[in-house]
Structures are given as C-alpha cells and as structure tokens.
Amino acid sequence: MYNVFTRTWWRNNPEWPNGLEPCIGPKTYIAKKVATEEQAQQLCRDYNEHNEAGRYSRKAEYEGV
C-alpha cells in the first residue's frame, strides 16, 4: 500500500539566493492506500505533468505504508 502526496521544497527568505530557503513543507495527501507502487508512480506522473511546480517546487511523491 502507498500514499500519494504533494509538498513544497522551498520557503521565502530574502537572505538566501533567489529569495528562497530550502524547507520541506507538510504533506498534503491526494490519494491514500493505493494498492501498487506502479499505481502510485502513475498518480505522481499524472499530477506532476498537469500541475505547475511553481516557485516552491510543489510536486507529487509517494510513500509506502
């Protein structure tokens, strides 16, 4: 079983280059208890393909449960 989620990787900080400081944001789940790793990977690919990562690099990931 796998959970699929998004999170950001940066936060604003004017003292850092480009005004961004590395910071792992909280997880926002988009699917829970996905049966197979292949399905979890496909959900991540679909999300990342259709959603702009933006300034904070929000992308889909998955984790085993």
PDB file of N, CA and C in Angstrom:
ATOM      1  N   MET A   1       0.850  -1.184   0.000  1.00  0.00           N
ATOM      2  CA  MET A   1       0.000   0.000   0.000  1.00  0.00           C
ATOM      3  C   MET A   1       0.889   1.239   0.000  1.00  0.00           C
ATOM      4  N   TYR A   2       0.383   2.277  -0.670  1.00  0.00           N
ATOM      5  CA  TYR A   2       1.149   3.515  -0.813  1.00  0.00           C
ATOM      6  C   TYR A   2       0.236   4.723  -0.650  1.00  0.00           C
ATOM      7  N   ASN A   3       0.773   5.782  -0.089  1.00  0.00           N
ATOM      8  CA  ASN A   3       0.090   7.062  -0.020  1.00  0.00           C
ATOM      9  C   ASN A   3       0.776   8.021  -0.985  1.00  0.00           C
ATOM     10  N   VAL A   4      -0.018   8.802  -1.704  1.00  0.00           N
ATOM     11  CA  VAL A   4       0.497   9.780  -2.656  1.00  0.00           C
ATOM     12  C   VAL A   4       0.190  11.168  -2.089  1.00  0.00           C
ATOM     13  N   PHE A   5       1.168  12.050  -2.132  1.00  0.00           N
ATOM     14  CA  PHE A   5       1.012  13.374  -1.536  1.00  0.00           C
ATOM     15  C   PHE A   5       1.819  14.411  -2.302  1.00  0.00           C
ATOM     16  N   THR A   6       1.526  15.669  -2.010  1.00  0.00           N
ATOM     17  CA  THR A   6       2.327  16.769  -2.537  1.00  0.00           C
ATOM     18  C   THR A   6       2.942  17.512  -1.355  1.00  0.00           C
ATOM     19  N   ARG A   7       4.016  18.220  -1.639  1.00  0.00           N
ATOM     20  CA  ARG A   7       4.596  19.131  -0.659  1.00  0.00           C
ATOM     21  C   ARG A   7       5.558  20.060  -1.380  1.00  0.00           C
ATOM     22  N   THR A   8       5.881  21.139  -0.725  1.00  0.00           N
ATOM     23  CA  THR A   8       6.821  22.109  -1.284  1.00  0.00           C
ATOM     24  C   THR A   8       8.219  21.835  -0.731  1.00  0.00           C
ATOM     25  N   TRP A   9       9.208  22.418  -1.410  1.00  0.00           N
ATOM     26  CA  TRP A   9      10.603  22.215  -1.015  1.00  0.00           C
ATOM     27  C   TRP A   9      11.333  23.506  -0.676  1.00  0.00           C
ATOM     28  N   TRP A  10      10.646  24.635  -0.777  1.00  0.00           N
ATOM     29  CA  TRP A  10      11.259  25.943  -0.527  1.00  0.00           C
ATOM     30  C   TRP A  10      10.310  26.837   0.247  1.00  0.00           C
ATOM     31  N   ARG A  11      10.892  27.874   0.898  1.00  0.00           N
ATOM     32  CA  ARG A  11      10.086  28.928   1.509  1.00  0.00           C
ATOM     33  C   ARG A  11      10.790  30.254   1.255  1.00  0.00           C
ATOM     34  N   ASN A  12      10.028  31.325   1.362  1.00  0.00           N
ATOM     35  CA  ASN A  12      10.600  32.649   1.164  1.00  0.00           C
ATOM     36  C   ASN A  12      11.589  32.994   2.265  1.00  0.00           C
ATOM     37  N   ASN A  13      12.733  33.532   1.870  1.00  0.00           N
ATOM     38  CA  ASN A  13      13.716  34.067   2.811  1.00  0.00           C
ATOM     39  C   ASN A  13      14.598  35.024   2.012  1.00  0.00           C
ATOM     40  N   PRO A  14      14.416  36.328   2.180  1.00  0.00           N
ATOM     41  CA  PRO A  14      15.152  37.305   1.379  1.00  0.00           C
ATOM     42  C   PRO A  14      16.664  37.249   1.584  1.00  0.00           C
ATOM     43  N   GLU A  15      17.140  36.586   2.620  1.00  0.00           N
ATOM     44  CA  GLU A  15      18.580  36.497   2.872  1.00  0.00           C
ATOM     45  C   GLU A  15      19.255  35.373   2.090  1.00  0.00           C
ATOM     46  N   TRP A  16      18.474  34.528   1.437  1.00  0.00           N
ATOM     47  CA  TRP A  16      19.015  33.420   0.653  1.00  0.00           C
ATOM     48  C   TRP A  16      19.052  33.792  -0.823  1.00  0.00           C
ATOM     49  N   PRO A  17      19.909  33.125  -1.607  1.00  0.00           N
ATOM     50  CA  PRO A  17      19.928  33.387  -3.055  1.00  0.00           C
ATOM     51  C   PRO A  17      18.537  33.170  -3.669  1.00  0.00           C
ATOM     52  N   ASN A  18      18.166  34.024  -4.571  1.00  0.00           N
ATOM     53  CA  ASN A  18      16.851  33.996  -5.226  1.00  0.00           C
ATOM     54  C   ASN A  18      15.687  34.165  -4.252  1.00  0.00           C
ATOM     55  N   GLY A  19      15.976  34.512  -2.991  1.00  0.00           N
ATOM     56  CA  GLY A  19      14.923  34.724  -2.001  1.00  0.00           C
ATOM     57  C   GLY A  19      14.250  33.457  -1.531  1.00  0.00           C
ATOM     58  N   LEU A  20      14.868  32.292  -1.775  1.00  0.00           N
ATOM     59  CA  LEU A  20      14.282  31.014  -1.376  1.00  0.00           C
ATOM     60  C   LEU A  20      15.236  30.224  -0.499  1.00  0.00           C
ATOM     61  N   GLU A  21      14.711  29.700   0.582  1.00  0.00           N
ATOM     62  CA  GLU A  21      15.468  28.855   1.503  1.00  0.00           C
ATOM     63  C   GLU A  21      14.924  27.429   1.419  1.00  0.00           C
ATOM     64  N   PRO A  22      15.790  26.406   1.397  1.00  0.00           N
ATOM     65  CA  PRO A  22      15.279  25.031   1.408  1.00  0.00           C
ATOM     66  C   PRO A  22      14.423  24.778   2.649  1.00  0.00           C
ATOM     67  N   CYS A  23      13.270  24.191   2.441  1.00  0.00           N
ATOM     68  CA  CYS A  23      12.355  23.912   3.557  1.00  0.00           C
ATOM     69  C   CYS A  23      11.339  22.878   3.090  1.00  0.00           C
ATOM     70  N   ILE A  24      11.359  21.721   3.695  1.00  0.00           N
ATOM     71  CA  ILE A  24      10.403  20.673   3.339  1.00  0.00           C
ATOM     72  C   ILE A  24       9.067  20.995   3.999  1.00  0.00           C
ATOM     73  N   GLY A  25       8.044  21.211   3.162  1.00  0.00           N
ATOM     74  CA  GLY A  25       6.722  21.565   3.674  1.00  0.00           C
ATOM     75  C   GLY A  25       5.933  20.351   4.126  1.00  0.00           C
ATOM     76  N   PRO A  26       4.796  20.595   4.748  1.00  0.00           N
ATOM     77  CA  PRO A  26       3.952  19.489   5.205  1.00  0.00           C
ATOM     78  C   PRO A  26       3.343  18.740   4.015  1.00  0.00           C
ATOM     79  N   LYS A  27       3.025  17.486   4.236  1.00  0.00           N
ATOM     80  CA  LYS A  27       2.421  16.645   3.195  1.00  0.00           C
ATOM     81  C   LYS A  27       0.932  16.957   3.076  1.00  0.00           C
ATOM     82  N   THR A  28       0.467  17.046   1.832  1.00  0.00           N
ATOM     83  CA  THR A  28      -0.953  17.164   1.536  1.00  0.00           C
ATOM     84  C   THR A  28      -1.311  15.929   0.711  1.00  0.00           C
ATOM     85  N   TYR A  29      -2.071  15.022   1.301  1.00  0.00           N
ATOM     86  CA  TYR A  29      -2.366  13.744   0.641  1.00  0.00           C
ATOM     87  C   TYR A  29      -3.392  13.918  -0.466  1.00  0.00           C
ATOM     88  N   ILE A  30      -3.107  13.291  -1.613  1.00  0.00           N
ATOM     89  CA  ILE A  30      -4.046  13.317  -2.735  1.00  0.00           C
ATOM     90  C   ILE A  30      -4.629  11.921  -2.985  1.00  0.00           C
ATOM     91  N   ALA A  31      -4.016  10.880  -2.425  1.00  0.00           N
ATOM     92  CA  ALA A  31      -4.553   9.514  -2.509  1.00  0.00           C
ATOM     93  C   ALA A  31      -3.936   8.703  -1.370  1.00  0.00           C
ATOM     94  N   LYS A  32      -4.764   7.926  -0.711  1.00  0.00           N
ATOM     95  CA  LYS A  32      -4.274   7.078   0.380  1.00  0.00           C
ATOM     96  C   LYS A  32      -4.583   5.623   0.070  1.00  0.00           C
ATOM     97  N   LYS A  33      -3.690   4.771   0.524  1.00  0.00           N
ATOM     98  CA  LYS A  33      -3.838   3.320   0.396  1.00  0.00           C
ATOM     99  C   LYS A  33      -3.980   2.864  -1.057  1.00  0.00           C
ATOM    100  N   VAL A  34      -3.103   3.384  -1.912  1.00  0.00           N
ATOM    101  CA  VAL A  34      -3.038   2.936  -3.298  1.00  0.00           C
ATOM    102  C   VAL A  34      -2.452   1.529  -3.285  1.00  0.00           C
ATOM    103  N   ALA A  35      -3.024   0.621  -4.040  1.00  0.00           N
ATOM    104  CA  ALA A  35      -2.675  -0.801  -3.945  1.00  0.00           C
ATOM    105  C   ALA A  35      -1.256  -1.134  -4.384  1.00  0.00           C
ATOM    106  N   THR A  36      -0.779  -0.552  -5.497  1.00  0.00           N
ATOM    107  CA  THR A  36       0.531  -0.948  -6.009  1.00  0.00           C
ATOM    108  C   THR A  36       1.449   0.260  -6.192  1.00  0.00           C
ATOM    109  N   GLU A  37       2.735  -0.018  -6.206  1.00  0.00           N
ATOM    110  CA  GLU A  37       3.714   1.041  -6.427  1.00  0.00           C
ATOM    111  C   GLU A  37       3.563   1.634  -7.828  1.00  0.00           C
ATOM    112  N   GLU A  38       3.238   0.812  -8.794  1.00  0.00           N
ATOM    113  CA  GLU A  38       3.045   1.293 -10.159  1.00  0.00           C
ATOM    114  C   GLU A  38       1.902   2.304 -10.226  1.00  0.00           C
ATOM    115  N   GLN A  39       0.811   2.037  -9.504  1.00  0.00           N
ATOM    116  CA  GLN A  39      -0.303   2.981  -9.474  1.00  0.00           C
ATOM    117  C   GLN A  39       0.119   4.290  -8.801  1.00  0.00           C
ATOM    118  N   ALA A  40       0.874   4.190  -7.727  1.00  0.00           N
ATOM    119  CA  ALA A  40       1.354   5.384  -7.029  1.00  0.00           C
ATOM    120  C   ALA A  40       2.261   6.205  -7.940  1.00  0.00           C
ATOM    121  N   GLN A  41       3.152   5.535  -8.655  1.00  0.00           N
ATOM    122  CA  GLN A  41       4.029   6.231  -9.589  1.00  0.00           C
ATOM    123  C   GLN A  41       3.236   6.922 -10.684  1.00  0.00           C
ATOM    124  N   GLN A  42       2.207   6.254 -11.201  1.00  0.00           N
ATOM    125  CA  GLN A  42       1.389   6.850 -12.259  1.00  0.00           C
ATOM    126  C   GLN A  42       0.639   8.071 -11.748  1.00  0.00           C
ATOM    127  N   LEU A  43       0.107   8.001 -10.543  1.00  0.00           N
ATOM    128  CA  LEU A  43      -0.569   9.161  -9.955  1.00  0.00           C
ATOM    129  C   LEU A  43       0.389  10.342  -9.839  1.00  0.00           C
ATOM    130  N   CYS A  44       1.622  10.076  -9.422  1.00  0.00           N
ATOM    131  CA  CYS A  44       2.628  11.134  -9.310  1.00  0.00           C
ATOM    132  C   CYS A  44       2.939  11.720 -10.685  1.00  0.00           C
ATOM    133  N   ARG A  45       3.148  10.864 -11.667  1.00  0.00           N
ATOM    134  CA  ARG A  45       3.430  11.345 -13.027  1.00  0.00           C
ATOM    135  C   ARG A  45       2.287  12.222 -13.537  1.00  0.00           C
ATOM    136  N   ASP A  46       1.054  11.742 -13.354  1.00  0.00           N
ATOM    137  CA  ASP A  46      -0.106  12.498 -13.824  1.00  0.00           C
ATOM    138  C   ASP A  46      -0.188  13.858 -13.128  1.00  0.00           C
ATOM    139  N   TYR A  47      -0.043  13.871 -11.825  1.00  0.00           N
ATOM    140  CA  TYR A  47      -0.108  15.136 -11.088  1.00  0.00           C
ATOM    141  C   TYR A  47       0.988  16.088 -11.562  1.00  0.00           C
ATOM    142  N   ASN A  48       2.206  15.600 -11.616  1.00  0.00           N
ATOM    143  CA  ASN A  48       3.336  16.457 -11.972  1.00  0.00           C
ATOM    144  C   ASN A  48       3.260  16.948 -13.420  1.00  0.00           C
ATOM    145  N   GLU A  49       2.656  16.155 -14.279  1.00  0.00           N
ATOM    146  CA  GLU A  49       2.507  16.548 -15.680  1.00  0.00           C
ATOM    147  C   GLU A  49       1.460  17.644 -15.858  1.00  0.00           C
ATOM    148  N   HIS A  50       0.418  17.621 -15.030  1.00  0.00           N
ATOM    149  CA  HIS A  50      -0.703  18.546 -15.203  1.00  0.00           C
ATOM    150  C   HIS A  50      -0.733  19.696 -14.209  1.00  0.00           C
ATOM    151  N   ASN A  51       0.248  19.783 -13.330  1.00  0.00           N
ATOM    152  CA  ASN A  51       0.297  20.859 -12.345  1.00  0.00           C
ATOM    153  C   ASN A  51       1.684  21.487 -12.338  1.00  0.00           C
ATOM    154  N   GLU A  52       1.725  22.800 -12.462  1.00  0.00           N
ATOM    155  CA  GLU A  52       2.982  23.538 -12.448  1.00  0.00           C
ATOM    156  C   GLU A  52       3.594  23.483 -11.043  1.00  0.00           C
ATOM    157  N   ALA A  53       4.863  23.137 -10.953  1.00  0.00           N
ATOM    158  CA  ALA A  53       5.542  23.044  -9.657  1.00  0.00           C
ATOM    159  C   ALA A  53       5.647  24.407  -8.983  1.00  0.00           C
ATOM    160  N   GLY A  54       5.763  25.461  -9.773  1.00  0.00           N
ATOM    161  CA  GLY A  54       5.787  26.819  -9.235  1.00  0.00           C
ATOM    162  C   GLY A  54       7.055  27.160  -8.471  1.00  0.00           C
ATOM    163  N   ARG A  55       7.027  28.320  -7.867  1.00  0.00           N
ATOM    164  CA  ARG A  55       8.181  28.880  -7.155  1.00  0.00           C
ATOM    165  C   ARG A  55       8.700  27.959  -6.050  1.00  0.00           C
ATOM    166  N   TYR A  56       7.804  27.256  -5.387  1.00  0.00           N
ATOM    167  CA  TYR A  56       8.195  26.444  -4.228  1.00  0.00           C
ATOM    168  C   TYR A  56       8.399  24.969  -4.564  1.00  0.00           C
ATOM    169  N   SER A  57       8.363  24.620  -5.829  1.00  0.00           N
ATOM    170  CA  SER A  57       8.599  23.252  -6.312  1.00  0.00           C
ATOM    171  C   SER A  57       7.642  22.229  -5.706  1.00  0.00           C
ATOM    172  N   ARG A  58       6.340  22.538  -5.720  1.00  0.00           N
ATOM    173  CA  ARG A  58       5.339  21.574  -5.226  1.00  0.00           C
ATOM    174  C   ARG A  58       5.223  20.449  -6.244  1.00  0.00           C
ATOM    175  N   LYS A  59       5.511  19.223  -5.793  1.00  0.00           N
ATOM    176  CA  LYS A  59       5.437  18.050  -6.659  1.00  0.00           C
ATOM    177  C   LYS A  59       4.821  16.891  -5.897  1.00  0.00           C
ATOM    178  N   ALA A  60       4.318  15.910  -6.655  1.00  0.00           N
ATOM    179  CA  ALA A  60       3.738  14.718  -6.045  1.00  0.00           C
ATOM    180  C   ALA A  60       4.834  13.696  -5.762  1.00  0.00           C
ATOM    181  N   GLU A  61       4.676  13.005  -4.668  1.00  0.00           N
ATOM    182  CA  GLU A  61       5.573  11.929  -4.233  1.00  0.00           C
ATOM    183  C   GLU A  61       4.705  10.811  -3.654  1.00  0.00           C
ATOM    184  N   TYR A  62       5.347   9.688  -3.332  1.00  0.00           N
ATOM    185  CA  TYR A  62       4.599   8.621  -2.667  1.00  0.00           C
ATOM    186  C   TYR A  62       5.469   7.971  -1.604  1.00  0.00           C
ATOM    187  N   GLU A  63       4.788   7.297  -0.675  1.00  0.00           N
ATOM    188  CA  GLU A  63       5.476   6.598   0.414  1.00  0.00           C
ATOM    189  C   GLU A  63       4.749   5.292   0.687  1.00  0.00           C
ATOM    190  N   GLY A  64       5.496   4.306   1.093  1.00  0.00           N
ATOM    191  CA  GLY A  64       4.890   3.029   1.477  1.00  0.00           C
ATOM    192  C   GLY A  64       4.276   3.138   2.850  1.00  0.00           C
ATOM    193  N   VAL A  65       3.178   2.405   3.052  1.00  0.00           N
ATOM    194  CA  VAL A  65       2.518   2.400   4.373  1.00  0.00           C
ATOM    195  C   VAL A  65       2.393   0.988   4.892  1.00  0.00           C
TER     196      VAL A  65
END
